[in-house]
Structures are given as C-alpha cells and as structure tokens.
Amino acid sequence: VAVCTVLLMWSYVELTQLSSQVVEIKSEITTLQSEEAKLRAQYE
C-alpha cells in the first residue's frame, strides 16, 4: 500500500509537470504562428 501510494503521488507530480509543459508549448506555438504570418508577409 505504501509503494502504491508513493507511485500514485509520483505520477500526479509528473502529470502536473507535463500539463505545465503542454501549456508552455501551446503558448510558444501561438507566438510562432503569429511570427510565421509576419515573416511570410515580409518575404512576399
């Protein structure tokens, strides 16, 4: 029971870290897409 509890807590910590990374990556994607639109306009 103790091992299962520790593993459950560890998986919750990893899930929280992955969720924060997903949010960061999504914000990066939106900034990169806006930069891409600007650079395409400059290229044309």
All heavy atoms as atom14 arrays in JSON, in Angstrom:
{
  "sequence": "VAVCTVLLMWSYVELTQLSSQVVEIKSEITTLQSEEAKLRAQYE",
  "atom14_mask": [
    [1, 1, 1, 1, 1, 1, 1, 0, 0, 0, 0, 0, 0, 0],
    [1, 1, 1, 1, 1, 0, 0, 0, 0, 0, 0, 0, 0, 0],
    [1, 1, 1, 1, 1, 1, 1, 0, 0, 0, 0, 0, 0, 0],
    [1, 1, 1, 1, 1, 1, 0, 0, 0, 0, 0, 0, 0, 0],
    [1, 1, 1, 1, 1, 1, 1, 0, 0, 0, 0, 0, 0, 0],
    [1, 1, 1, 1, 1, 1, 1, 0, 0, 0, 0, 0, 0, 0],
    [1, 1, 1, 1, 1, 1, 1, 1, 0, 0, 0, 0, 0, 0],
    [1, 1, 1, 1, 1, 1, 1, 1, 0, 0, 0, 0, 0, 0],
    [1, 1, 1, 1, 1, 1, 1, 1, 0, 0, 0, 0, 0, 0],
    [1, 1, 1, 1, 1, 1, 1, 1, 1, 1, 1, 1, 1, 1],
    [1, 1, 1, 1, 1, 1, 0, 0, 0, 0, 0, 0, 0, 0],
    [1, 1, 1, 1, 1, 1, 1, 1, 1, 1, 1, 1, 0, 0],
    [1, 1, 1, 1, 1, 1, 1, 0, 0, 0, 0, 0, 0, 0],
    [1, 1, 1, 1, 1, 1, 1, 1, 1, 0, 0, 0, 0, 0],
    [1, 1, 1, 1, 1, 1, 1, 1, 0, 0, 0, 0, 0, 0],
    [1, 1, 1, 1, 1, 1, 1, 0, 0, 0, 0, 0, 0, 0],
    [1, 1, 1, 1, 1, 1, 1, 1, 1, 0, 0, 0, 0, 0],
    [1, 1, 1, 1, 1, 1, 1, 1, 0, 0, 0, 0, 0, 0],
    [1, 1, 1, 1, 1, 1, 0, 0, 0, 0, 0, 0, 0, 0],
    [1, 1, 1, 1, 1, 1, 0, 0, 0, 0, 0, 0, 0, 0],
    [1, 1, 1, 1, 1, 1, 1, 1, 1, 0, 0, 0, 0, 0],
    [1, 1, 1, 1, 1, 1, 1, 0, 0, 0, 0, 0, 0, 0],
    [1, 1, 1, 1, 1, 1, 1, 0, 0, 0, 0, 0, 0, 0],
    [1, 1, 1, 1, 1, 1, 1, 1, 1, 0, 0, 0, 0, 0],
    [1, 1, 1, 1, 1, 1, 1, 1, 0, 0, 0, 0, 0, 0],
    [1, 1, 1, 1, 1, 1, 1, 1, 1, 0, 0, 0, 0, 0],
    [1, 1, 1, 1, 1, 1, 0, 0, 0, 0, 0, 0, 0, 0],
    [1, 1, 1, 1, 1, 1, 1, 1, 1, 0, 0, 0, 0, 0],
    [1, 1, 1, 1, 1, 1, 1, 1, 0, 0, 0, 0, 0, 0],
    [1, 1, 1, 1, 1, 1, 1, 0, 0, 0, 0, 0, 0, 0],
    [1, 1, 1, 1, 1, 1, 1, 0, 0, 0, 0, 0, 0, 0],
    [1, 1, 1, 1, 1, 1, 1, 1, 0, 0, 0, 0, 0, 0],
    [1, 1, 1, 1, 1, 1, 1, 1, 1, 0, 0, 0, 0, 0],
    [1, 1, 1, 1, 1, 1, 0, 0, 0, 0, 0, 0, 0, 0],
    [1, 1, 1, 1, 1, 1, 1, 1, 1, 0, 0, 0, 0, 0],
    [1, 1, 1, 1, 1, 1, 1, 1, 1, 0, 0, 0, 0, 0],
    [1, 1, 1, 1, 1, 0, 0, 0, 0, 0, 0, 0, 0, 0],
    [1, 1, 1, 1, 1, 1, 1, 1, 1, 0, 0, 0, 0, 0],
    [1, 1, 1, 1, 1, 1, 1, 1, 0, 0, 0, 0, 0, 0],
    [1, 1, 1, 1, 1, 1, 1, 1, 1, 1, 1, 0, 0, 0],
    [1, 1, 1, 1, 1, 0, 0, 0, 0, 0, 0, 0, 0, 0],
    [1, 1, 1, 1, 1, 1, 1, 1, 1, 0, 0, 0, 0, 0],
    [1, 1, 1, 1, 1, 1, 1, 1, 1, 1, 1, 1, 0, 0],
    [1, 1, 1, 1, 1, 1, 1, 1, 1, 0, 0, 0, 0, 0]
  ],
  "atom14_positions": [
    [[0.84, -1.2, 0.0], [0.0, 0.0, 0.0], [0.87, 1.25, 0.0], [0.59, 2.23, -0.71], [-0.96, -0.02, 1.22], [-1.63, 1.33, 1.4], [-2.01, -1.1, 1.03], [0.0, 0.0, 0.0], [0.0, 0.0, 0.0], [0.0, 0.0, 0.0], [0.0, 0.0, 0.0], [0.0, 0.0, 0.0], [0.0, 0.0, 0.0], [0.0, 0.0, 0.0]],
    [[1.96, 1.23, 0.77], [2.85, 2.39, 0.82], [3.51, 2.62, -0.54], [3.61, 3.76, -1.0], [3.92, 2.18, 1.9], [0.0, 0.0, 0.0], [0.0, 0.0, 0.0], [0.0, 0.0, 0.0], [0.0, 0.0, 0.0], [0.0, 0.0, 0.0], [0.0, 0.0, 0.0], [0.0, 0.0, 0.0], [0.0, 0.0, 0.0], [0.0, 0.0, 0.0]],
    [[3.96, 1.55, -1.19], [4.59, 1.69, -2.51], [3.59, 2.23, -3.52], [3.91, 3.13, -4.31], [5.18, 0.32, -2.96], [5.55, 0.35, -4.43], [6.4, -0.02, -2.12], [0.0, 0.0, 0.0], [0.0, 0.0, 0.0], [0.0, 0.0, 0.0], [0.0, 0.0, 0.0], [0.0, 0.0, 0.0], [0.0, 0.0, 0.0], [0.0, 0.0, 0.0]],
    [[2.38, 1.7, -3.5], [1.35, 2.19, -4.43], [1.03, 3.66, -4.18], [0.83, 4.43, -5.12], [0.08, 1.34, -4.31], [0.25, -0.32, -5.0], [0.0, 0.0, 0.0], [0.0, 0.0, 0.0], [0.0, 0.0, 0.0], [0.0, 0.0, 0.0], [0.0, 0.0, 0.0], [0.0, 0.0, 0.0], [0.0, 0.0, 0.0], [0.0, 0.0, 0.0]],
    [[0.99, 4.06, -2.93], [0.73, 5.47, -2.61], [1.85, 6.36, -3.12], [1.59, 7.42, -3.7], [0.58, 5.63, -1.08], [-0.42, 4.74, -0.62], [0.23, 7.05, -0.71], [0.0, 0.0, 0.0], [0.0, 0.0, 0.0], [0.0, 0.0, 0.0], [0.0, 0.0, 0.0], [0.0, 0.0, 0.0], [0.0, 0.0, 0.0], [0.0, 0.0, 0.0]],
    [[3.09, 5.93, -2.93], [4.23, 6.73, -3.42], [4.19, 6.82, -4.94], [4.41, 7.9, -5.52], [5.55, 6.12, -2.91], [6.74, 6.73, -3.63], [5.68, 6.31, -1.41], [0.0, 0.0, 0.0], [0.0, 0.0, 0.0], [0.0, 0.0, 0.0], [0.0, 0.0, 0.0], [0.0, 0.0, 0.0], [0.0, 0.0, 0.0], [0.0, 0.0, 0.0]],
    [[3.91, 5.7, -5.61], [3.85, 5.72, -7.08], [2.7, 6.61, -7.57], [2.86, 7.32, -8.58], [3.69, 4.3, -7.61], [4.92, 3.4, -7.48], [4.59, 1.99, -7.96], [6.09, 3.96, -8.26], [0.0, 0.0, 0.0], [0.0, 0.0, 0.0], [0.0, 0.0, 0.0], [0.0, 0.0, 0.0], [0.0, 0.0, 0.0], [0.0, 0.0, 0.0]],
    [[1.58, 6.58, -6.88], [0.46, 7.44, -7.27], [0.83, 8.91, -7.12], [0.55, 9.72, -8.01], [-0.77, 7.11, -6.42], [-2.03, 7.9, -6.72], [-2.55, 7.55, -8.11], [-3.09, 7.64, -5.67], [0.0, 0.0, 0.0], [0.0, 0.0, 0.0], [0.0, 0.0, 0.0], [0.0, 0.0, 0.0], [0.0, 0.0, 0.0], [0.0, 0.0, 0.0]],
    [[1.46, 9.25, -6.03], [1.88, 10.65, -5.82], [2.89, 11.06, -6.89], [2.82, 12.17, -7.42], [2.49, 10.81, -4.42], [1.53, 10.53, -3.3], [0.39, 11.85, -3.04], [1.4, 12.91, -2.07], [0.0, 0.0, 0.0], [0.0, 0.0, 0.0], [0.0, 0.0, 0.0], [0.0, 0.0, 0.0], [0.0, 0.0, 0.0], [0.0, 0.0, 0.0]],
    [[3.83, 10.18, -7.19], [4.83, 10.48, -8.2], [4.18, 10.69, -9.56], [4.57, 11.59, -10.31], [5.85, 9.34, -8.24], [6.99, 9.57, -9.18], [7.89, 10.59, -9.17], [7.33, 8.75, -10.29], [8.77, 10.44, -10.21], [8.46, 9.33, -10.91], [6.81, 7.58, -10.82], [9.04, 8.77, -12.03], [7.4, 7.04, -11.92], [8.51, 7.63, -12.51]],
    [[3.18, 9.85, -9.9], [2.52, 10.02, -11.2], [1.74, 11.34, -11.24], [1.68, 11.99, -12.28], [1.59, 8.84, -11.48], [0.51, 8.82, -10.56], [0.0, 0.0, 0.0], [0.0, 0.0, 0.0], [0.0, 0.0, 0.0], [0.0, 0.0, 0.0], [0.0, 0.0, 0.0], [0.0, 0.0, 0.0], [0.0, 0.0, 0.0], [0.0, 0.0, 0.0]],
    [[1.14, 11.74, -10.11], [0.45, 13.05, -10.07], [1.45, 14.19, -10.28], [1.14, 15.16, -10.97], [-0.28, 13.24, -8.75], [-1.62, 12.56, -8.69], [-2.07, 11.97, -7.53], [-2.46, 12.5, -9.8], [-3.29, 11.35, -7.46], [-3.67, 11.88, -9.75], [-4.09, 11.3, -8.58], [-5.3, 10.69, -8.52], [0.0, 0.0, 0.0], [0.0, 0.0, 0.0]],
    [[2.63, 14.08, -9.7], [3.65, 15.12, -9.89], [4.06, 15.2, -11.36], [4.15, 16.28, -11.94], [4.87, 14.85, -8.97], [6.05, 15.72, -9.36], [4.49, 15.06, -7.51], [0.0, 0.0, 0.0], [0.0, 0.0, 0.0], [0.0, 0.0, 0.0], [0.0, 0.0, 0.0], [0.0, 0.0, 0.0], [0.0, 0.0, 0.0], [0.0, 0.0, 0.0]],
    [[4.29, 14.04, -11.97], [4.67, 14.03, -13.39], [3.55, 14.57, -14.27], [3.8, 15.3, -15.24], [5.03, 12.61, -13.83], [6.4, 12.18, -13.4], [6.85, 10.9, -14.08], [6.11, 10.39, -14.94], [7.94, 10.44, -13.76], [0.0, 0.0, 0.0], [0.0, 0.0, 0.0], [0.0, 0.0, 0.0], [0.0, 0.0, 0.0], [0.0, 0.0, 0.0]],
    [[2.31, 14.21, -13.95], [1.17, 14.71, -14.71], [1.08, 16.23, -14.62], [0.83, 16.91, -15.62], [-0.13, 14.07, -14.21], [-1.41, 14.5, -14.91], [-1.4, 14.05, -16.36], [-2.61, 13.96, -14.18], [0.0, 0.0, 0.0], [0.0, 0.0, 0.0], [0.0, 0.0, 0.0], [0.0, 0.0, 0.0], [0.0, 0.0, 0.0], [0.0, 0.0, 0.0]],
    [[1.32, 16.77, -13.45], [1.29, 18.21, -13.27], [2.4, 18.87, -14.07], [2.19, 19.91, -14.72], [1.43, 18.56, -11.77], [0.43, 17.86, -11.04], [1.28, 20.04, -11.54], [0.0, 0.0, 0.0], [0.0, 0.0, 0.0], [0.0, 0.0, 0.0], [0.0, 0.0, 0.0], [0.0, 0.0, 0.0], [0.0, 0.0, 0.0], [0.0, 0.0, 0.0]],
    [[3.6, 18.28, -14.06], [4.71, 18.85, -14.83], [4.41, 18.8, -16.32], [4.67, 19.77, -17.05], [6.0, 18.08, -14.53], [6.56, 18.33, -13.15], [7.77, 17.46, -12.86], [8.09, 16.56, -13.62], [8.42, 17.73, -11.74], [0.0, 0.0, 0.0], [0.0, 0.0, 0.0], [0.0, 0.0, 0.0], [0.0, 0.0, 0.0], [0.0, 0.0, 0.0]],
    [[3.88, 17.67, -16.79], [3.55, 17.57, -18.22], [2.46, 18.56, -18.61], [2.51, 19.15, -19.7], [3.1, 16.14, -18.55], [4.21, 15.09, -18.55], [3.61, 13.71, -18.77], [5.24, 15.39, -19.62], [0.0, 0.0, 0.0], [0.0, 0.0, 0.0], [0.0, 0.0, 0.0], [0.0, 0.0, 0.0], [0.0, 0.0, 0.0], [0.0, 0.0, 0.0]],
    [[1.49, 18.76, -17.75], [0.43, 19.73, -18.05], [1.0, 21.14, -18.17], [0.62, 21.88, -19.08], [-0.64, 19.69, -16.96], [-1.28, 18.45, -16.91], [0.0, 0.0, 0.0], [0.0, 0.0, 0.0], [0.0, 0.0, 0.0], [0.0, 0.0, 0.0], [0.0, 0.0, 0.0], [0.0, 0.0, 0.0], [0.0, 0.0, 0.0], [0.0, 0.0, 0.0]],
    [[1.91, 21.49, -17.27], [2.52, 22.82, -17.36], [3.36, 22.95, -18.63], [3.37, 24.0, -19.27], [3.34, 23.12, -16.12], [4.44, 22.23, -16.03], [0.0, 0.0, 0.0], [0.0, 0.0, 0.0], [0.0, 0.0, 0.0], [0.0, 0.0, 0.0], [0.0, 0.0, 0.0], [0.0, 0.0, 0.0], [0.0, 0.0, 0.0], [0.0, 0.0, 0.0]],
    [[4.06, 21.87, -19.02], [4.85, 21.91, -20.25], [3.96, 22.05, -21.47], [4.29, 22.77, -22.42], [5.71, 20.64, -20.38], [6.87, 20.59, -19.42], [7.63, 19.28, -19.51], [7.25, 18.38, -20.24], [8.71, 19.17, -18.73], [0.0, 0.0, 0.0], [0.0, 0.0, 0.0], [0.0, 0.0, 0.0], [0.0, 0.0, 0.0], [0.0, 0.0, 0.0]],
    [[2.81, 21.37, -21.46], [1.87, 21.48, -22.59], [1.37, 22.91, -22.72], [1.27, 23.45, -23.83], [0.69, 20.48, -22.4], [-0.45, 20.8, -23.34], [1.17, 19.06, -22.63], [0.0, 0.0, 0.0], [0.0, 0.0, 0.0], [0.0, 0.0, 0.0], [0.0, 0.0, 0.0], [0.0, 0.0, 0.0], [0.0, 0.0, 0.0], [0.0, 0.0, 0.0]],
    [[1.07, 23.54, -21.6], [0.6, 24.92, -21.64], [1.69, 25.84, -22.19], [1.41, 26.72, -23.02], [0.14, 25.37, -20.22], [-0.09, 26.86, -20.16], [-1.09, 24.61, -19.8], [0.0, 0.0, 0.0], [0.0, 0.0, 0.0], [0.0, 0.0, 0.0], [0.0, 0.0, 0.0], [0.0, 0.0, 0.0], [0.0, 0.0, 0.0], [0.0, 0.0, 0.0]],
    [[2.93, 25.63, -21.77], [4.04, 26.45, -22.28], [4.22, 26.24, -23.78], [4.44, 27.21, -24.53], [5.34, 26.09, -21.54], [5.38, 26.54, -20.1], [6.62, 26.04, -19.38], [7.51, 25.44, -20.04], [6.71, 26.25, -18.17], [0.0, 0.0, 0.0], [0.0, 0.0, 0.0], [0.0, 0.0, 0.0], [0.0, 0.0, 0.0], [0.0, 0.0, 0.0]],
    [[4.16, 24.99, -24.22], [4.35, 24.7, -25.65], [3.22, 25.3, -26.48], [3.45, 25.83, -27.58], [4.47, 23.17, -25.87], [5.81, 22.69, -25.3], [4.35, 22.81, -27.32], [5.98, 21.19, -25.31], [0.0, 0.0, 0.0], [0.0, 0.0, 0.0], [0.0, 0.0, 0.0], [0.0, 0.0, 0.0], [0.0, 0.0, 0.0], [0.0, 0.0, 0.0]],
    [[1.99, 25.25, -25.96], [0.87, 25.85, -26.69], [1.05, 27.35, -26.82], [0.77, 27.93, -27.89], [-0.46, 25.54, -25.99], [-0.97, 24.15, -26.26], [-2.35, 23.95, -25.65], [-2.86, 22.56, -25.97], [-4.2, 22.33, -25.43], [0.0, 0.0, 0.0], [0.0, 0.0, 0.0], [0.0, 0.0, 0.0], [0.0, 0.0, 0.0], [0.0, 0.0, 0.0]],
    [[1.53, 28.0, -25.78], [1.77, 29.45, -25.88], [2.9, 29.73, -26.88], [2.84, 30.7, -27.65], [2.08, 30.04, -24.51], [3.29, 29.52, -24.02], [0.0, 0.0, 0.0], [0.0, 0.0, 0.0], [0.0, 0.0, 0.0], [0.0, 0.0, 0.0], [0.0, 0.0, 0.0], [0.0, 0.0, 0.0], [0.0, 0.0, 0.0], [0.0, 0.0, 0.0]],
    [[3.93, 28.87, -26.89], [5.02, 29.03, -27.88], [4.49, 28.86, -29.29], [4.89, 29.59, -30.21], [6.12, 28.0, -27.62], [7.13, 28.4, -26.59], [8.26, 27.39, -26.49], [8.75, 26.94, -27.55], [8.62, 27.05, -25.36], [0.0, 0.0, 0.0], [0.0, 0.0, 0.0], [0.0, 0.0, 0.0], [0.0, 0.0, 0.0], [0.0, 0.0, 0.0]],
    [[3.61, 27.89, -29.49], [3.05, 27.63, -30.83], [2.27, 28.85, -31.32], [2.42, 29.26, -32.48], [2.16, 26.37, -30.82], [3.03, 25.13, -30.74], [1.28, 26.31, -32.05], [2.25, 23.84, -30.58], [0.0, 0.0, 0.0], [0.0, 0.0, 0.0], [0.0, 0.0, 0.0], [0.0, 0.0, 0.0], [0.0, 0.0, 0.0], [0.0, 0.0, 0.0]],
    [[1.48, 29.44, -30.45], [0.71, 30.62, -30.89], [1.64, 31.78, -31.23], [1.42, 32.48, -32.23], [-0.29, 31.05, -29.8], [0.4, 31.25, -28.57], [-1.37, 30.01, -29.61], [0.0, 0.0, 0.0], [0.0, 0.0, 0.0], [0.0, 0.0, 0.0], [0.0, 0.0, 0.0], [0.0, 0.0, 0.0], [0.0, 0.0, 0.0], [0.0, 0.0, 0.0]],
    [[2.71, 31.99, -30.45], [3.64, 33.08, -30.78], [4.38, 32.78, -32.08], [4.6, 33.68, -32.9], [4.64, 33.31, -29.64], [5.32, 32.09, -29.34], [3.94, 33.81, -28.39], [0.0, 0.0, 0.0], [0.0, 0.0, 0.0], [0.0, 0.0, 0.0], [0.0, 0.0, 0.0], [0.0, 0.0, 0.0], [0.0, 0.0, 0.0], [0.0, 0.0, 0.0]],
    [[4.78, 31.51, -32.28], [5.47, 31.15, -33.51], [4.57, 31.28, -34.74], [5.03, 31.69, -35.82], [6.02, 29.73, -33.42], [7.23, 29.54, -32.48], [7.6, 28.06, -32.4], [8.41, 30.37, -32.94], [0.0, 0.0, 0.0], [0.0, 0.0, 0.0], [0.0, 0.0, 0.0], [0.0, 0.0, 0.0], [0.0, 0.0, 0.0], [0.0, 0.0, 0.0]],
    [[3.3, 30.95, -34.59], [2.37, 31.1, -35.72], [2.19, 32.57, -36.08], [2.12, 32.92, -37.26], [1.02, 30.45, -35.38], [1.05, 28.94, -35.43], [-0.26, 28.32, -34.98], [-1.09, 28.96, -34.36], [-0.42, 27.03, -35.28], [0.0, 0.0, 0.0], [0.0, 0.0, 0.0], [0.0, 0.0, 0.0], [0.0, 0.0, 0.0], [0.0, 0.0, 0.0]],
    [[2.12, 33.43, -35.08], [1.99, 34.87, -35.4], [3.27, 35.38, -36.06], [3.22, 36.18, -37.0], [1.65, 35.66, -34.13], [2.71, 35.57, -33.21], [0.0, 0.0, 0.0], [0.0, 0.0, 0.0], [0.0, 0.0, 0.0], [0.0, 0.0, 0.0], [0.0, 0.0, 0.0], [0.0, 0.0, 0.0], [0.0, 0.0, 0.0], [0.0, 0.0, 0.0]],
    [[4.43, 34.9, -35.57], [5.7, 35.3, -36.21], [5.77, 34.77, -37.64], [6.29, 35.47, -38.53], [6.88, 34.76, -35.4], [7.2, 35.55, -34.16], [8.45, 35.02, -33.47], [9.41, 34.63, -34.17], [8.44, 34.98, -32.24], [0.0, 0.0, 0.0], [0.0, 0.0, 0.0], [0.0, 0.0, 0.0], [0.0, 0.0, 0.0], [0.0, 0.0, 0.0]],
    [[5.29, 33.55, -37.85], [5.3, 32.98, -39.2], [4.48, 33.84, -40.16], [4.92, 34.12, -41.29], [4.74, 31.55, -39.17], [4.65, 30.93, -40.55], [3.82, 29.66, -40.57], [3.07, 29.41, -39.61], [3.93, 28.94, -41.58], [0.0, 0.0, 0.0], [0.0, 0.0, 0.0], [0.0, 0.0, 0.0], [0.0, 0.0, 0.0], [0.0, 0.0, 0.0]],
    [[3.32, 34.28, -39.72], [2.47, 35.12, -40.58], [3.19, 36.42, -40.91], [3.16, 36.89, -42.07], [1.14, 35.39, -39.89], [0.0, 0.0, 0.0], [0.0, 0.0, 0.0], [0.0, 0.0, 0.0], [0.0, 0.0, 0.0], [0.0, 0.0, 0.0], [0.0, 0.0, 0.0], [0.0, 0.0, 0.0], [0.0, 0.0, 0.0], [0.0, 0.0, 0.0]],
    [[3.87, 37.01, -39.94], [4.6, 38.27, -40.19], [5.75, 38.03, -41.17], [5.97, 38.83, -42.09], [5.15, 38.82, -38.87], [4.1, 39.38, -37.95], [4.74, 39.85, -36.65], [3.69, 40.26, -35.64], [4.3, 40.62, -34.34], [0.0, 0.0, 0.0], [0.0, 0.0, 0.0], [0.0, 0.0, 0.0], [0.0, 0.0, 0.0], [0.0, 0.0, 0.0]],
    [[6.51, 36.95, -40.96], [7.65, 36.67, -41.83], [7.21, 36.34, -43.25], [7.9, 36.72, -44.22], [8.48, 35.53, -41.26], [9.26, 35.84, -39.97], [9.94, 34.59, -39.45], [10.27, 36.95, -40.22], [0.0, 0.0, 0.0], [0.0, 0.0, 0.0], [0.0, 0.0, 0.0], [0.0, 0.0, 0.0], [0.0, 0.0, 0.0], [0.0, 0.0, 0.0]],
    [[6.09, 35.65, -43.41], [5.59, 35.38, -44.77], [5.23, 36.68, -45.48], [5.5, 36.84, -46.67], [4.38, 34.44, -44.73], [4.75, 33.01, -44.5], [3.52, 32.12, -44.62], [3.82, 30.76, -44.3], [4.12, 29.83, -45.2], [4.14, 30.11, -46.47], [4.39, 28.6, -44.82], [0.0, 0.0, 0.0], [0.0, 0.0, 0.0], [0.0, 0.0, 0.0]],
    [[4.6, 37.58, -44.75], [4.25, 38.87, -45.35], [5.51, 39.63, -45.75], [5.58, 40.22, -46.83], [3.41, 39.69, -44.38], [0.0, 0.0, 0.0], [0.0, 0.0, 0.0], [0.0, 0.0, 0.0], [0.0, 0.0, 0.0], [0.0, 0.0, 0.0], [0.0, 0.0, 0.0], [0.0, 0.0, 0.0], [0.0, 0.0, 0.0], [0.0, 0.0, 0.0]],
    [[6.54, 39.61, -44.89], [7.79, 40.27, -45.23], [8.48, 39.59, -46.41], [9.06, 40.26, -47.26], [8.74, 40.26, -44.02], [8.34, 41.19, -42.9], [9.28, 41.06, -41.71], [10.19, 40.23, -41.7], [9.03, 41.88, -40.7], [0.0, 0.0, 0.0], [0.0, 0.0, 0.0], [0.0, 0.0, 0.0], [0.0, 0.0, 0.0], [0.0, 0.0, 0.0]],
    [[8.4, 38.26, -46.47], [9.01, 37.53, -47.57], [8.35, 37.89, -48.9], [9.04, 38.08, -49.9], [8.9, 36.02, -47.31], [9.44, 35.16, -48.41], [10.81, 34.99, -48.59], [8.58, 34.51, -49.3], [11.29, 34.21, -49.62], [9.05, 33.72, -50.31], [10.41, 33.57, -50.47], [10.9, 32.79, -51.47], [0.0, 0.0, 0.0], [0.0, 0.0, 0.0]],
    [[7.03, 37.95, -48.88], [6.33, 38.3, -50.12], [6.63, 39.73, -50.55], [6.69, 40.03, -51.74], [4.82, 38.1, -49.93], [4.43, 36.63, -49.82], [2.97, 36.44, -49.46], [2.25, 37.45, -49.31], [2.56, 35.28, -49.31], [0.0, 0.0, 0.0], [0.0, 0.0, 0.0], [0.0, 0.0, 0.0], [0.0, 0.0, 0.0], [0.0, 0.0, 0.0]]
  ]
}
